[in-house]
Amino acid sequence: MEPMLPLNIAVLTVSDTRTEETDRSGQALVERLTAAGHTLSEKRIVPDDVYLIRAVVANWIANADVQVVITTGGTGFTGRDSTPEAISVLLDKRIEGFGERFRQLSGEEIGSSTIQSRCLGGLANATVVFCLPGSTGACRTGWDGILAEQLDSRHKPCNFANLVIPGRGQHG
């Protein structure tokens, strides 16, 4: 079997209250992505503010060394949740199936409450961007049920890794 090609992944936690010490969701993503053989490019925490979120993610999208951006938090309907509004305008193409599949998997765990998740995925400047809910369980669901395979260059018939690795192209 061919070796997995590691990706450079940036993780952004969107929260008005979390710190590096209390950010279990962001840490769960970092642990999973590094255990899978990928490289953490950068990890940040920003308040739930449309323009702060957008500025950080836009910077990562513009950085050729960052191939994947994963955010956690700010995807619900309460309070200042604004990650989808911050990110959607940056996307060149949306990955509609990401949110659909996430809610399908999440529904098995939390039932109808999953309809309140506004997680999304998309492609911007050859960078894939995934926005997950802020709970640690949701991050595990998103990584284990979708991202682990879709960011593995060996996953068939297609994956997002081969889409963002220069010269690989997408098959399938």
N, C-alpha and C. Protein backbone atom coordinates (compact mmCIF):
# COMPACT_ATOMS: atom_id res chain seq x y z
N MET A 1 0.84 -1.19 0.00
CA MET A 1 0.00 0.00 0.00
C MET A 1 0.88 1.24 0.00
N GLU A 2 0.44 2.23 -0.74
CA GLU A 2 1.19 3.48 -0.81
C GLU A 2 1.16 4.19 0.54
N PRO A 3 2.18 4.97 0.83
CA PRO A 3 2.19 5.69 2.12
C PRO A 3 1.18 6.84 2.11
N MET A 4 0.68 7.18 3.29
CA MET A 4 -0.20 8.33 3.42
C MET A 4 0.64 9.59 3.30
N LEU A 5 0.14 10.56 2.56
CA LEU A 5 0.84 11.82 2.42
C LEU A 5 0.32 12.79 3.48
N PRO A 6 1.17 13.22 4.41
CA PRO A 6 0.71 14.10 5.48
C PRO A 6 0.33 15.48 4.96
N LEU A 7 -0.68 16.06 5.59
CA LEU A 7 -1.15 17.39 5.25
C LEU A 7 -0.80 18.36 6.37
N ASN A 8 -0.69 19.63 6.01
CA ASN A 8 -0.48 20.70 7.00
C ASN A 8 -1.86 21.25 7.36
N ILE A 9 -2.23 21.09 8.63
CA ILE A 9 -3.58 21.42 9.08
C ILE A 9 -3.52 22.49 10.17
N ALA A 10 -4.34 23.53 10.00
CA ALA A 10 -4.48 24.58 11.01
C ALA A 10 -5.81 24.38 11.74
N VAL A 11 -5.81 24.59 13.05
CA VAL A 11 -7.00 24.40 13.88
C VAL A 11 -7.35 25.71 14.56
N LEU A 12 -8.61 26.11 14.42
CA LEU A 12 -9.10 27.34 15.05
C LEU A 12 -10.26 27.01 15.97
N THR A 13 -10.13 27.37 17.23
CA THR A 13 -11.24 27.25 18.17
C THR A 13 -11.91 28.61 18.28
N VAL A 14 -13.22 28.61 18.07
CA VAL A 14 -14.02 29.83 18.16
C VAL A 14 -14.77 29.79 19.49
N SER A 15 -14.40 30.69 20.40
CA SER A 15 -15.03 30.69 21.72
C SER A 15 -14.75 32.00 22.44
N ASP A 16 -15.76 32.47 23.15
CA ASP A 16 -15.60 33.66 23.97
C ASP A 16 -15.02 33.32 25.34
N THR A 17 -14.97 32.04 25.68
CA THR A 17 -14.60 31.66 27.05
C THR A 17 -13.42 30.70 27.15
N ARG A 18 -13.11 29.95 26.11
CA ARG A 18 -12.06 28.92 26.24
C ARG A 18 -10.66 29.52 26.17
N THR A 19 -9.78 28.82 26.88
CA THR A 19 -8.35 29.14 26.87
C THR A 19 -7.62 27.89 26.40
N GLU A 20 -6.31 27.98 26.20
CA GLU A 20 -5.55 26.78 25.80
C GLU A 20 -5.72 25.67 26.83
N GLU A 21 -5.85 26.03 28.09
CA GLU A 21 -6.01 25.02 29.15
C GLU A 21 -7.38 24.36 29.13
N THR A 22 -8.41 25.06 28.68
CA THR A 22 -9.77 24.52 28.72
C THR A 22 -10.32 24.13 27.35
N ASP A 23 -9.51 24.25 26.32
CA ASP A 23 -9.96 23.97 24.95
C ASP A 23 -9.84 22.47 24.62
N ARG A 24 -10.76 21.68 25.15
CA ARG A 24 -10.73 20.23 24.92
C ARG A 24 -11.06 19.86 23.47
N SER A 25 -11.92 20.64 22.83
CA SER A 25 -12.29 20.34 21.44
C SER A 25 -11.12 20.55 20.49
N GLY A 26 -10.48 21.68 20.60
CA GLY A 26 -9.31 21.95 19.75
C GLY A 26 -8.21 20.94 20.01
N GLN A 27 -8.01 20.58 21.28
CA GLN A 27 -6.98 19.61 21.63
C GLN A 27 -7.32 18.23 21.06
N ALA A 28 -8.59 17.86 21.08
CA ALA A 28 -9.00 16.56 20.52
C ALA A 28 -8.68 16.51 19.03
N LEU A 29 -8.90 17.61 18.32
CA LEU A 29 -8.58 17.65 16.90
C LEU A 29 -7.07 17.55 16.67
N VAL A 30 -6.30 18.29 17.47
CA VAL A 30 -4.84 18.24 17.34
C VAL A 30 -4.33 16.82 17.60
N GLU A 31 -4.83 16.18 18.65
CA GLU A 31 -4.40 14.82 18.96
C GLU A 31 -4.72 13.86 17.82
N ARG A 32 -5.92 13.98 17.25
CA ARG A 32 -6.33 13.07 16.18
C ARG A 32 -5.54 13.31 14.90
N LEU A 33 -5.35 14.56 14.53
CA LEU A 33 -4.66 14.83 13.28
C LEU A 33 -3.18 14.44 13.36
N THR A 34 -2.55 14.67 14.51
CA THR A 34 -1.14 14.27 14.63
C THR A 34 -1.01 12.75 14.73
N ALA A 35 -1.94 12.09 15.42
CA ALA A 35 -1.91 10.62 15.50
C ALA A 35 -2.08 10.01 14.12
N ALA A 36 -2.80 10.69 13.22
CA ALA A 36 -3.02 10.19 11.86
C ALA A 36 -1.81 10.45 10.96
N GLY A 37 -0.82 11.19 11.47
CA GLY A 37 0.38 11.45 10.68
C GLY A 37 0.43 12.81 10.01
N HIS A 38 -0.56 13.66 10.27
CA HIS A 38 -0.56 15.00 9.69
C HIS A 38 0.25 15.95 10.57
N THR A 39 0.48 17.15 10.07
CA THR A 39 1.25 18.16 10.77
C THR A 39 0.34 19.31 11.20
N LEU A 40 0.45 19.73 12.45
CA LEU A 40 -0.28 20.90 12.91
C LEU A 40 0.48 22.14 12.47
N SER A 41 -0.12 22.92 11.58
CA SER A 41 0.51 24.16 11.10
C SER A 41 0.45 25.24 12.17
N GLU A 42 -0.75 25.40 12.74
CA GLU A 42 -0.95 26.42 13.76
C GLU A 42 -2.26 26.12 14.47
N LYS A 43 -2.35 26.53 15.73
CA LYS A 43 -3.59 26.41 16.49
C LYS A 43 -3.84 27.74 17.16
N ARG A 44 -5.07 28.24 17.01
CA ARG A 44 -5.43 29.52 17.61
C ARG A 44 -6.79 29.41 18.27
N ILE A 45 -7.06 30.35 19.16
CA ILE A 45 -8.39 30.53 19.76
C ILE A 45 -8.76 31.99 19.53
N VAL A 46 -9.97 32.21 18.98
CA VAL A 46 -10.45 33.58 18.80
C VAL A 46 -11.87 33.68 19.35
N PRO A 47 -12.26 34.88 19.80
CA PRO A 47 -13.64 35.07 20.24
C PRO A 47 -14.61 34.87 19.08
N ASP A 48 -15.87 34.65 19.40
CA ASP A 48 -16.90 34.43 18.40
C ASP A 48 -17.29 35.77 17.78
N ASP A 49 -16.44 36.24 16.89
CA ASP A 49 -16.63 37.52 16.20
C ASP A 49 -16.37 37.27 14.71
N VAL A 50 -17.36 37.61 13.89
CA VAL A 50 -17.28 37.32 12.45
C VAL A 50 -15.96 37.77 11.85
N TYR A 51 -15.52 38.98 12.16
CA TYR A 51 -14.36 39.54 11.49
C TYR A 51 -13.04 38.96 12.00
N LEU A 52 -12.98 38.62 13.29
CA LEU A 52 -11.78 37.97 13.81
C LEU A 52 -11.65 36.56 13.24
N ILE A 53 -12.75 35.83 13.20
CA ILE A 53 -12.74 34.47 12.62
C ILE A 53 -12.31 34.55 11.16
N ARG A 54 -12.95 35.42 10.43
CA ARG A 54 -12.69 35.55 9.00
C ARG A 54 -11.24 35.95 8.73
N ALA A 55 -10.69 36.83 9.54
CA ALA A 55 -9.31 37.29 9.34
C ALA A 55 -8.31 36.14 9.51
N VAL A 56 -8.49 35.35 10.56
CA VAL A 56 -7.57 34.23 10.80
C VAL A 56 -7.67 33.21 9.69
N VAL A 57 -8.89 32.81 9.35
CA VAL A 57 -9.07 31.78 8.34
C VAL A 57 -8.63 32.28 6.96
N ALA A 58 -8.92 33.53 6.64
CA ALA A 58 -8.48 34.09 5.35
C ALA A 58 -6.96 34.07 5.24
N ASN A 59 -6.28 34.37 6.34
CA ASN A 59 -4.82 34.34 6.35
C ASN A 59 -4.31 32.92 6.09
N TRP A 60 -4.92 31.94 6.73
CA TRP A 60 -4.51 30.55 6.51
C TRP A 60 -4.80 30.10 5.07
N ILE A 61 -5.95 30.51 4.54
CA ILE A 61 -6.30 30.15 3.16
C ILE A 61 -5.28 30.74 2.19
N ALA A 62 -4.79 31.93 2.48
CA ALA A 62 -3.82 32.60 1.62
C ALA A 62 -2.42 32.02 1.75
N ASN A 63 -2.16 31.25 2.81
CA ASN A 63 -0.85 30.66 3.07
C ASN A 63 -0.72 29.33 2.33
N ALA A 64 0.16 29.27 1.36
CA ALA A 64 0.32 28.06 0.54
C ALA A 64 0.76 26.85 1.37
N ASP A 65 1.32 27.08 2.55
CA ASP A 65 1.77 25.97 3.39
C ASP A 65 0.64 25.32 4.17
N VAL A 66 -0.54 25.95 4.24
CA VAL A 66 -1.69 25.39 4.95
C VAL A 66 -2.61 24.75 3.91
N GLN A 67 -2.84 23.44 4.06
CA GLN A 67 -3.68 22.72 3.10
C GLN A 67 -5.09 22.48 3.62
N VAL A 68 -5.25 22.48 4.95
CA VAL A 68 -6.54 22.21 5.57
C VAL A 68 -6.73 23.15 6.75
N VAL A 69 -7.94 23.66 6.90
CA VAL A 69 -8.32 24.45 8.06
C VAL A 69 -9.52 23.76 8.70
N ILE A 70 -9.43 23.51 10.01
CA ILE A 70 -10.56 22.96 10.75
C ILE A 70 -10.88 23.93 11.87
N THR A 71 -12.15 24.35 11.91
CA THR A 71 -12.58 25.20 13.02
C THR A 71 -13.51 24.39 13.91
N THR A 72 -13.55 24.77 15.17
CA THR A 72 -14.49 24.17 16.12
C THR A 72 -15.15 25.29 16.90
N GLY A 73 -16.48 25.26 16.92
CA GLY A 73 -17.23 26.26 17.68
C GLY A 73 -17.91 27.28 16.80
N GLY A 74 -18.98 27.86 17.36
CA GLY A 74 -19.69 28.94 16.69
C GLY A 74 -20.62 28.52 15.57
N THR A 75 -21.00 27.23 15.52
CA THR A 75 -21.84 26.76 14.42
C THR A 75 -23.31 26.58 14.79
N GLY A 76 -23.66 26.90 16.03
CA GLY A 76 -25.04 26.71 16.47
C GLY A 76 -25.90 27.93 16.19
N PHE A 77 -27.00 28.03 16.92
CA PHE A 77 -27.94 29.13 16.74
C PHE A 77 -27.98 30.08 17.92
N THR A 78 -27.23 29.78 18.96
CA THR A 78 -27.35 30.57 20.18
C THR A 78 -26.36 31.72 20.21
N GLY A 79 -26.66 32.70 21.03
CA GLY A 79 -25.73 33.79 21.31
C GLY A 79 -25.04 34.36 20.10
N ARG A 80 -23.73 34.35 20.14
CA ARG A 80 -22.92 34.97 19.11
C ARG A 80 -22.43 33.99 18.05
N ASP A 81 -23.00 32.79 17.97
CA ASP A 81 -22.56 31.80 16.98
C ASP A 81 -22.53 32.42 15.58
N SER A 82 -21.35 32.52 14.99
CA SER A 82 -21.23 33.20 13.70
C SER A 82 -20.18 32.60 12.78
N THR A 83 -19.69 31.40 13.10
CA THR A 83 -18.66 30.80 12.24
C THR A 83 -19.14 30.61 10.80
N PRO A 84 -20.34 30.07 10.54
CA PRO A 84 -20.76 29.91 9.14
C PRO A 84 -20.80 31.24 8.38
N GLU A 85 -21.26 32.30 9.03
CA GLU A 85 -21.30 33.61 8.38
C GLU A 85 -19.90 34.13 8.09
N ALA A 86 -18.97 33.85 8.99
CA ALA A 86 -17.59 34.30 8.80
C ALA A 86 -16.90 33.55 7.66
N ILE A 87 -17.15 32.25 7.57
CA ILE A 87 -16.41 31.40 6.65
C ILE A 87 -17.04 31.28 5.27
N SER A 88 -18.35 31.24 5.19
CA SER A 88 -19.01 30.92 3.91
C SER A 88 -18.62 31.89 2.80
N VAL A 89 -18.40 33.16 3.11
CA VAL A 89 -18.04 34.12 2.07
C VAL A 89 -16.62 33.91 1.54
N LEU A 90 -15.80 33.15 2.27
CA LEU A 90 -14.43 32.89 1.83
C LEU A 90 -14.33 31.70 0.88
N LEU A 91 -15.38 30.88 0.83
CA LEU A 91 -15.31 29.63 0.08
C LEU A 91 -15.56 29.83 -1.41
N ASP A 92 -14.73 29.15 -2.22
CA ASP A 92 -14.94 29.14 -3.67
C ASP A 92 -16.01 28.11 -4.03
N LYS A 93 -16.02 26.99 -3.31
CA LYS A 93 -17.00 25.92 -3.51
C LYS A 93 -17.38 25.36 -2.16
N ARG A 94 -18.65 25.03 -2.00
CA ARG A 94 -19.11 24.40 -0.76
C ARG A 94 -19.13 22.89 -0.93
N ILE A 95 -18.84 22.21 0.16
CA ILE A 95 -18.92 20.74 0.19
C ILE A 95 -20.22 20.42 0.91
N GLU A 96 -21.31 20.40 0.17
CA GLU A 96 -22.64 20.21 0.78
C GLU A 96 -22.72 18.90 1.56
N GLY A 97 -22.10 17.86 1.03
CA GLY A 97 -22.17 16.55 1.67
C GLY A 97 -21.52 16.49 3.03
N PHE A 98 -20.60 17.42 3.33
CA PHE A 98 -19.94 17.39 4.64
C PHE A 98 -20.95 17.63 5.76
N GLY A 99 -21.71 18.71 5.67
CA GLY A 99 -22.71 19.00 6.69
C GLY A 99 -23.78 17.93 6.76
N GLU A 100 -24.18 17.44 5.58
CA GLU A 100 -25.20 16.39 5.54
C GLU A 100 -24.72 15.13 6.25
N ARG A 101 -23.50 14.71 5.93
CA ARG A 101 -22.95 13.49 6.53
C ARG A 101 -22.71 13.69 8.03
N PHE A 102 -22.22 14.87 8.41
CA PHE A 102 -21.98 15.12 9.83
C PHE A 102 -23.29 14.99 10.61
N ARG A 103 -24.34 15.64 10.11
CA ARG A 103 -25.62 15.59 10.82
C ARG A 103 -26.19 14.17 10.86
N GLN A 104 -25.93 13.40 9.81
CA GLN A 104 -26.37 11.99 9.81
C GLN A 104 -25.67 11.23 10.93
N LEU A 105 -24.35 11.36 11.03
CA LEU A 105 -23.58 10.67 12.07
C LEU A 105 -23.95 11.19 13.45
N SER A 106 -24.07 12.49 13.57
CA SER A 106 -24.38 13.12 14.85
C SER A 106 -25.78 12.73 15.33
N GLY A 107 -26.70 12.57 14.41
CA GLY A 107 -28.06 12.19 14.77
C GLY A 107 -28.13 10.87 15.49
N GLU A 108 -27.19 9.97 15.16
CA GLU A 108 -27.13 8.67 15.83
C GLU A 108 -26.71 8.85 17.29
N GLU A 109 -26.03 9.96 17.60
CA GLU A 109 -25.53 10.21 18.95
C GLU A 109 -26.45 11.13 19.76
N ILE A 110 -26.97 12.19 19.12
CA ILE A 110 -27.72 13.18 19.89
C ILE A 110 -29.15 13.38 19.38
N GLY A 111 -29.58 12.55 18.46
CA GLY A 111 -30.95 12.63 17.97
C GLY A 111 -31.23 13.89 17.18
N SER A 112 -32.47 14.38 17.31
CA SER A 112 -32.90 15.51 16.49
C SER A 112 -32.17 16.81 16.81
N SER A 113 -31.48 16.89 17.93
CA SER A 113 -30.74 18.12 18.24
C SER A 113 -29.68 18.43 17.20
N THR A 114 -29.30 17.44 16.40
CA THR A 114 -28.28 17.67 15.38
C THR A 114 -28.74 18.66 14.32
N ILE A 115 -30.04 18.88 14.17
CA ILE A 115 -30.50 19.82 13.15
C ILE A 115 -30.06 21.25 13.45
N GLN A 116 -29.65 21.50 14.70
CA GLN A 116 -29.18 22.84 15.04
C GLN A 116 -27.71 23.07 14.67
N SER A 117 -27.05 22.04 14.16
CA SER A 117 -25.66 22.19 13.75
C SER A 117 -25.60 22.81 12.35
N ARG A 118 -24.85 23.90 12.26
CA ARG A 118 -24.66 24.55 10.97
C ARG A 118 -23.23 24.33 10.48
N CYS A 119 -22.68 23.14 10.77
CA CYS A 119 -21.32 22.86 10.32
C CYS A 119 -21.29 22.89 8.80
N LEU A 120 -20.12 23.20 8.26
CA LEU A 120 -20.00 23.29 6.81
C LEU A 120 -18.58 22.98 6.38
N GLY A 121 -18.46 22.71 5.10
CA GLY A 121 -17.15 22.47 4.52
C GLY A 121 -17.08 23.14 3.16
N GLY A 122 -15.86 23.40 2.73
CA GLY A 122 -15.70 24.01 1.42
C GLY A 122 -14.26 24.07 0.99
N LEU A 123 -14.07 24.58 -0.20
CA LEU A 123 -12.75 24.71 -0.81
C LEU A 123 -12.51 26.19 -1.10
N ALA A 124 -11.32 26.67 -0.72
CA ALA A 124 -10.95 28.06 -0.98
C ALA A 124 -9.45 28.11 -1.27
N ASN A 125 -9.09 28.56 -2.46
CA ASN A 125 -7.69 28.73 -2.83
C ASN A 125 -6.88 27.45 -2.59
N ALA A 126 -7.42 26.31 -3.04
CA ALA A 126 -6.77 25.00 -2.89
C ALA A 126 -6.55 24.60 -1.43
N THR A 127 -7.38 25.12 -0.55
CA THR A 127 -7.38 24.77 0.87
C THR A 127 -8.76 24.26 1.21
N VAL A 128 -8.85 23.10 1.87
CA VAL A 128 -10.16 22.65 2.31
C VAL A 128 -10.40 23.17 3.72
N VAL A 129 -11.63 23.60 3.95
CA VAL A 129 -12.02 24.21 5.22
C VAL A 129 -13.22 23.45 5.76
N PHE A 130 -13.13 23.04 7.02
CA PHE A 130 -14.22 22.33 7.67
C PHE A 130 -14.54 23.03 8.98
N CYS A 131 -15.82 23.32 9.20
CA CYS A 131 -16.27 23.99 10.42
C CYS A 131 -17.13 23.03 11.22
N LEU A 132 -16.62 22.64 12.39
CA LEU A 132 -17.29 21.69 13.26
C LEU A 132 -17.89 22.40 14.47
N PRO A 133 -18.90 21.79 15.09
CA PRO A 133 -19.43 22.35 16.33
C PRO A 133 -18.36 22.38 17.42
N GLY A 134 -18.66 23.07 18.51
CA GLY A 134 -17.68 23.27 19.56
C GLY A 134 -17.55 22.18 20.60
N SER A 135 -18.44 21.21 20.59
CA SER A 135 -18.32 20.16 21.61
C SER A 135 -17.22 19.17 21.24
N THR A 136 -16.58 18.64 22.27
CA THR A 136 -15.52 17.65 22.03
C THR A 136 -16.09 16.43 21.32
N GLY A 137 -17.28 16.01 21.71
CA GLY A 137 -17.93 14.87 21.06
C GLY A 137 -18.16 15.11 19.58
N ALA A 138 -18.60 16.32 19.22
CA ALA A 138 -18.82 16.65 17.82
C ALA A 138 -17.51 16.64 17.04
N CYS A 139 -16.43 17.10 17.66
CA CYS A 139 -15.12 17.07 16.99
C CYS A 139 -14.66 15.64 16.75
N ARG A 140 -14.89 14.78 17.74
CA ARG A 140 -14.54 13.36 17.56
C ARG A 140 -15.38 12.75 16.45
N THR A 141 -16.68 13.05 16.44
CA THR A 141 -17.57 12.52 15.40
C THR A 141 -17.11 12.99 14.02
N GLY A 142 -16.83 14.27 13.89
CA GLY A 142 -16.41 14.82 12.60
C GLY A 142 -15.09 14.24 12.12
N TRP A 143 -14.13 14.12 13.05
CA TRP A 143 -12.83 13.56 12.64
C TRP A 143 -12.95 12.07 12.35
N ASP A 144 -13.47 11.32 13.32
CA ASP A 144 -13.49 9.86 13.19
C ASP A 144 -14.41 9.40 12.06
N GLY A 145 -15.54 10.09 11.88
CA GLY A 145 -16.53 9.64 10.91
C GLY A 145 -16.36 10.17 9.51
N ILE A 146 -15.60 11.26 9.35
CA ILE A 146 -15.47 11.86 8.01
C ILE A 146 -14.03 12.25 7.70
N LEU A 147 -13.45 13.12 8.51
CA LEU A 147 -12.18 13.74 8.16
C LEU A 147 -11.01 12.77 8.13
N ALA A 148 -10.99 11.79 9.02
CA ALA A 148 -9.86 10.84 9.02
C ALA A 148 -9.71 10.19 7.65
N GLU A 149 -10.82 9.78 7.05
CA GLU A 149 -10.75 9.17 5.72
C GLU A 149 -10.54 10.20 4.63
N GLN A 150 -11.28 11.30 4.69
CA GLN A 150 -11.23 12.27 3.59
C GLN A 150 -9.92 13.05 3.54
N LEU A 151 -9.14 13.03 4.62
CA LEU A 151 -7.84 13.69 4.60
C LEU A 151 -6.70 12.68 4.47
N ASP A 152 -7.05 11.43 4.16
CA ASP A 152 -6.06 10.37 3.94
C ASP A 152 -5.92 10.16 2.44
N SER A 153 -4.75 10.43 1.91
CA SER A 153 -4.50 10.37 0.46
C SER A 153 -4.71 8.97 -0.11
N ARG A 154 -4.79 7.96 0.74
CA ARG A 154 -4.99 6.58 0.26
C ARG A 154 -6.45 6.17 0.18
N HIS A 155 -7.35 6.99 0.72
CA HIS A 155 -8.77 6.62 0.76
C HIS A 155 -9.37 6.63 -0.64
N LYS A 156 -10.05 5.55 -0.99
CA LYS A 156 -10.66 5.38 -2.31
C LYS A 156 -12.16 5.34 -2.18
N PRO A 157 -12.92 5.76 -3.16
CA PRO A 157 -12.46 6.14 -4.50
C PRO A 157 -11.96 7.59 -4.60
N CYS A 158 -12.27 8.43 -3.62
CA CYS A 158 -11.78 9.81 -3.69
C CYS A 158 -11.61 10.37 -2.28
N ASN A 159 -10.86 11.45 -2.19
CA ASN A 159 -10.61 12.10 -0.91
C ASN A 159 -10.21 13.54 -1.16
N PHE A 160 -10.24 14.34 -0.12
CA PHE A 160 -9.87 15.74 -0.26
C PHE A 160 -8.36 15.95 -0.18
N ALA A 161 -7.63 15.00 0.36
CA ALA A 161 -6.17 15.14 0.45
C ALA A 161 -5.58 15.30 -0.95
N ASN A 162 -5.99 14.44 -1.87
CA ASN A 162 -5.42 14.50 -3.22
C ASN A 162 -5.83 15.77 -3.96
N LEU A 163 -6.88 16.42 -3.47
CA LEU A 163 -7.31 17.66 -4.09
C LEU A 163 -6.39 18.83 -3.72
N VAL A 164 -5.80 18.78 -2.53
CA VAL A 164 -4.99 19.91 -2.05
C VAL A 164 -3.49 19.65 -2.11
N ILE A 165 -3.08 18.44 -2.46
CA ILE A 165 -1.65 18.14 -2.60
C ILE A 165 -1.25 18.51 -4.02
N PRO A 166 -0.34 19.46 -4.18
CA PRO A 166 0.07 19.89 -5.52
C PRO A 166 0.49 18.71 -6.40
N GLY A 167 -0.04 18.71 -7.62
CA GLY A 167 0.33 17.68 -8.60
C GLY A 167 -0.41 16.36 -8.47
N ARG A 168 -1.26 16.21 -7.45
CA ARG A 168 -1.95 14.94 -7.27
C ARG A 168 -3.23 14.85 -8.07
N GLY A 169 -4.00 15.93 -8.12
CA GLY A 169 -5.29 15.87 -8.81
C GLY A 169 -6.28 15.03 -8.06
N GLN A 170 -7.51 15.06 -8.47
CA GLN A 170 -8.58 14.29 -7.81
C GLN A 170 -9.06 13.21 -8.77
N HIS A 171 -9.20 12.02 -8.24
CA HIS A 171 -9.70 10.90 -9.04
C HIS A 171 -11.01 10.43 -8.45
N GLY A 172 -11.94 10.05 -9.32
CA GLY A 172 -13.21 9.51 -8.84
C GLY A 172 -14.25 10.50 -9.04
